[in-house]
Amino acid sequence: MTPVIEIYGVVIPTLGVLALAALALYALLRRLLLRTGFYRHIWHRPLFDLALYVSILGVVVLLLVEHPL
């Protein structure tokens, strides 16, 4: 995978696109957690939300970026 994506002459870093995809998945998962009442068991919600987003971003990057071995 190339390190940048070019759309009509606008250069966008690949990580930026993956971060937006992770943000969409995070929003869906957060809404699900709110509806199920999961956040009642969380001590520090903003810290949990940050860790959840970073974890989702890591999974997205690992799944979608080709790693040469």
N, C-alpha and C. Protein backbone atom coordinates (compact mmCIF):
# COMPACT_ATOMS: atom_id res chain seq x y z
N MET A 1 0.85 -1.18 0.00
CA MET A 1 0.00 0.00 0.00
C MET A 1 0.89 1.24 0.00
N THR A 2 0.51 2.23 -0.77
CA THR A 2 1.30 3.45 -0.85
C THR A 2 1.10 4.28 0.42
N PRO A 3 2.10 5.08 0.80
CA PRO A 3 1.98 5.86 2.03
C PRO A 3 1.00 7.03 1.91
N VAL A 4 0.58 7.37 0.70
CA VAL A 4 -0.38 8.46 0.51
C VAL A 4 -1.43 8.05 -0.52
N ILE A 5 -2.57 8.70 -0.43
CA ILE A 5 -3.65 8.51 -1.40
C ILE A 5 -3.89 9.85 -2.07
N GLU A 6 -3.96 9.85 -3.39
CA GLU A 6 -4.16 11.10 -4.12
C GLU A 6 -5.54 11.09 -4.76
N ILE A 7 -6.33 12.11 -4.45
CA ILE A 7 -7.68 12.24 -5.00
C ILE A 7 -7.77 13.61 -5.67
N TYR A 8 -7.82 13.63 -6.98
CA TYR A 8 -7.89 14.87 -7.76
C TYR A 8 -6.80 15.85 -7.38
N GLY A 9 -5.60 15.37 -7.19
CA GLY A 9 -4.47 16.23 -6.87
C GLY A 9 -4.30 16.55 -5.40
N VAL A 10 -5.22 16.11 -4.56
CA VAL A 10 -5.12 16.33 -3.12
C VAL A 10 -4.49 15.09 -2.50
N VAL A 11 -3.37 15.28 -1.82
CA VAL A 11 -2.65 14.17 -1.22
C VAL A 11 -3.12 13.97 0.22
N ILE A 12 -3.58 12.76 0.52
CA ILE A 12 -4.08 12.42 1.85
C ILE A 12 -3.24 11.27 2.39
N PRO A 13 -2.67 11.41 3.59
CA PRO A 13 -1.91 10.29 4.15
C PRO A 13 -2.82 9.08 4.39
N THR A 14 -2.27 7.90 4.16
CA THR A 14 -3.04 6.68 4.35
C THR A 14 -3.52 6.54 5.78
N LEU A 15 -2.67 6.93 6.73
CA LEU A 15 -3.08 6.84 8.13
C LEU A 15 -4.29 7.73 8.42
N GLY A 16 -4.41 8.86 7.73
CA GLY A 16 -5.57 9.72 7.90
C GLY A 16 -6.86 9.04 7.46
N VAL A 17 -6.80 8.35 6.35
CA VAL A 17 -7.98 7.62 5.86
C VAL A 17 -8.33 6.48 6.81
N LEU A 18 -7.30 5.76 7.28
CA LEU A 18 -7.55 4.67 8.22
C LEU A 18 -8.08 5.19 9.55
N ALA A 19 -7.62 6.37 9.97
CA ALA A 19 -8.11 6.97 11.21
C ALA A 19 -9.59 7.34 11.08
N LEU A 20 -10.01 7.81 9.93
CA LEU A 20 -11.42 8.12 9.71
C LEU A 20 -12.27 6.85 9.71
N ALA A 21 -11.75 5.79 9.12
CA ALA A 21 -12.47 4.51 9.14
C ALA A 21 -12.59 3.99 10.57
N ALA A 22 -11.51 4.12 11.34
CA ALA A 22 -11.55 3.69 12.74
C ALA A 22 -12.51 4.55 13.54
N LEU A 23 -12.60 5.83 13.22
CA LEU A 23 -13.53 6.71 13.92
C LEU A 23 -14.98 6.31 13.66
N ALA A 24 -15.28 5.90 12.44
CA ALA A 24 -16.63 5.44 12.12
C ALA A 24 -16.96 4.16 12.90
N LEU A 25 -16.02 3.22 12.95
CA LEU A 25 -16.24 1.99 13.71
C LEU A 25 -16.37 2.28 15.20
N TYR A 26 -15.55 3.21 15.69
CA TYR A 26 -15.60 3.61 17.10
C TYR A 26 -16.97 4.20 17.45
N ALA A 27 -17.50 5.04 16.57
CA ALA A 27 -18.80 5.66 16.82
C ALA A 27 -19.91 4.60 16.91
N LEU A 28 -19.86 3.62 16.01
CA LEU A 28 -20.85 2.55 16.05
C LEU A 28 -20.74 1.71 17.33
N LEU A 29 -19.51 1.37 17.69
CA LEU A 29 -19.29 0.56 18.89
C LEU A 29 -19.66 1.34 20.15
N ARG A 30 -19.36 2.62 20.17
CA ARG A 30 -19.70 3.46 21.34
C ARG A 30 -21.22 3.54 21.52
N ARG A 31 -21.93 3.68 20.41
CA ARG A 31 -23.40 3.74 20.48
C ARG A 31 -23.96 2.42 21.02
N LEU A 32 -23.37 1.31 20.59
CA LEU A 32 -23.79 0.00 21.08
C LEU A 32 -23.52 -0.13 22.58
N LEU A 33 -22.35 0.33 23.03
CA LEU A 33 -22.02 0.25 24.44
C LEU A 33 -22.92 1.15 25.29
N LEU A 34 -23.31 2.29 24.75
CA LEU A 34 -24.23 3.17 25.47
C LEU A 34 -25.60 2.52 25.64
N ARG A 35 -26.09 1.89 24.57
CA ARG A 35 -27.42 1.27 24.63
C ARG A 35 -27.47 0.07 25.56
N THR A 36 -26.36 -0.65 25.67
CA THR A 36 -26.36 -1.84 26.53
C THR A 36 -26.07 -1.50 27.99
N GLY A 37 -25.68 -0.26 28.28
CA GLY A 37 -25.38 0.11 29.65
C GLY A 37 -24.01 -0.31 30.12
N PHE A 38 -23.12 -0.60 29.20
CA PHE A 38 -21.78 -1.06 29.54
C PHE A 38 -20.98 -0.01 30.30
N TYR A 39 -21.23 1.26 30.00
CA TYR A 39 -20.45 2.34 30.60
C TYR A 39 -20.69 2.49 32.11
N ARG A 40 -21.70 1.85 32.64
CA ARG A 40 -21.92 1.89 34.09
C ARG A 40 -20.79 1.20 34.84
N HIS A 41 -20.10 0.29 34.18
CA HIS A 41 -19.03 -0.48 34.81
C HIS A 41 -17.65 0.11 34.59
N ILE A 42 -17.57 1.24 33.89
CA ILE A 42 -16.30 1.86 33.55
C ILE A 42 -16.01 2.98 34.53
N TRP A 43 -14.79 2.97 35.09
CA TRP A 43 -14.41 3.96 36.09
C TRP A 43 -14.09 5.31 35.47
N HIS A 44 -13.30 5.34 34.41
CA HIS A 44 -12.86 6.58 33.79
C HIS A 44 -13.22 6.52 32.31
N ARG A 45 -14.40 7.01 31.99
CA ARG A 45 -14.94 6.85 30.65
C ARG A 45 -14.09 7.48 29.54
N PRO A 46 -13.59 8.73 29.70
CA PRO A 46 -12.76 9.28 28.62
C PRO A 46 -11.49 8.47 28.35
N LEU A 47 -10.88 7.96 29.39
CA LEU A 47 -9.70 7.15 29.22
C LEU A 47 -10.04 5.83 28.51
N PHE A 48 -11.17 5.24 28.87
CA PHE A 48 -11.62 4.02 28.21
C PHE A 48 -11.92 4.29 26.74
N ASP A 49 -12.57 5.42 26.45
CA ASP A 49 -12.89 5.77 25.06
C ASP A 49 -11.62 5.96 24.23
N LEU A 50 -10.62 6.60 24.80
CA LEU A 50 -9.36 6.77 24.07
C LEU A 50 -8.70 5.42 23.80
N ALA A 51 -8.66 4.58 24.80
CA ALA A 51 -8.05 3.25 24.63
C ALA A 51 -8.84 2.43 23.60
N LEU A 52 -10.15 2.55 23.60
CA LEU A 52 -10.98 1.83 22.64
C LEU A 52 -10.69 2.31 21.21
N TYR A 53 -10.59 3.63 21.02
CA TYR A 53 -10.30 4.16 19.69
C TYR A 53 -8.92 3.73 19.20
N VAL A 54 -7.92 3.82 20.07
CA VAL A 54 -6.57 3.43 19.67
C VAL A 54 -6.51 1.95 19.34
N SER A 55 -7.24 1.14 20.09
CA SER A 55 -7.28 -0.30 19.80
C SER A 55 -7.94 -0.58 18.45
N ILE A 56 -9.03 0.10 18.18
CA ILE A 56 -9.72 -0.07 16.89
C ILE A 56 -8.82 0.39 15.74
N LEU A 57 -8.14 1.51 15.92
CA LEU A 57 -7.23 2.01 14.89
C LEU A 57 -6.10 1.01 14.65
N GLY A 58 -5.57 0.42 15.70
CA GLY A 58 -4.52 -0.59 15.54
C GLY A 58 -4.99 -1.80 14.77
N VAL A 59 -6.20 -2.25 15.05
CA VAL A 59 -6.74 -3.41 14.34
C VAL A 59 -6.97 -3.07 12.87
N VAL A 60 -7.50 -1.88 12.60
CA VAL A 60 -7.75 -1.47 11.21
C VAL A 60 -6.43 -1.40 10.45
N VAL A 61 -5.41 -0.83 11.05
CA VAL A 61 -4.12 -0.72 10.38
C VAL A 61 -3.53 -2.11 10.13
N LEU A 62 -3.60 -2.98 11.12
CA LEU A 62 -3.05 -4.32 10.93
C LEU A 62 -3.79 -5.11 9.85
N LEU A 63 -5.09 -4.91 9.74
CA LEU A 63 -5.87 -5.67 8.76
C LEU A 63 -5.74 -5.12 7.34
N LEU A 64 -5.55 -3.81 7.19
CA LEU A 64 -5.62 -3.22 5.86
C LEU A 64 -4.29 -2.82 5.25
N VAL A 65 -3.24 -2.76 6.03
CA VAL A 65 -1.94 -2.37 5.49
C VAL A 65 -1.09 -3.60 5.25
N GLU A 66 -0.51 -3.67 4.08
CA GLU A 66 0.35 -4.80 3.73
C GLU A 66 1.70 -4.63 4.39
N HIS A 67 2.15 -5.68 5.07
CA HIS A 67 3.45 -5.65 5.75
C HIS A 67 4.40 -6.58 5.01
N PRO A 68 5.46 -6.01 4.44
CA PRO A 68 6.44 -6.90 3.75
C PRO A 68 7.24 -7.70 4.77
N LEU A 69 7.35 -8.99 4.53
CA LEU A 69 8.13 -9.85 5.42
C LEU A 69 9.31 -10.44 4.70
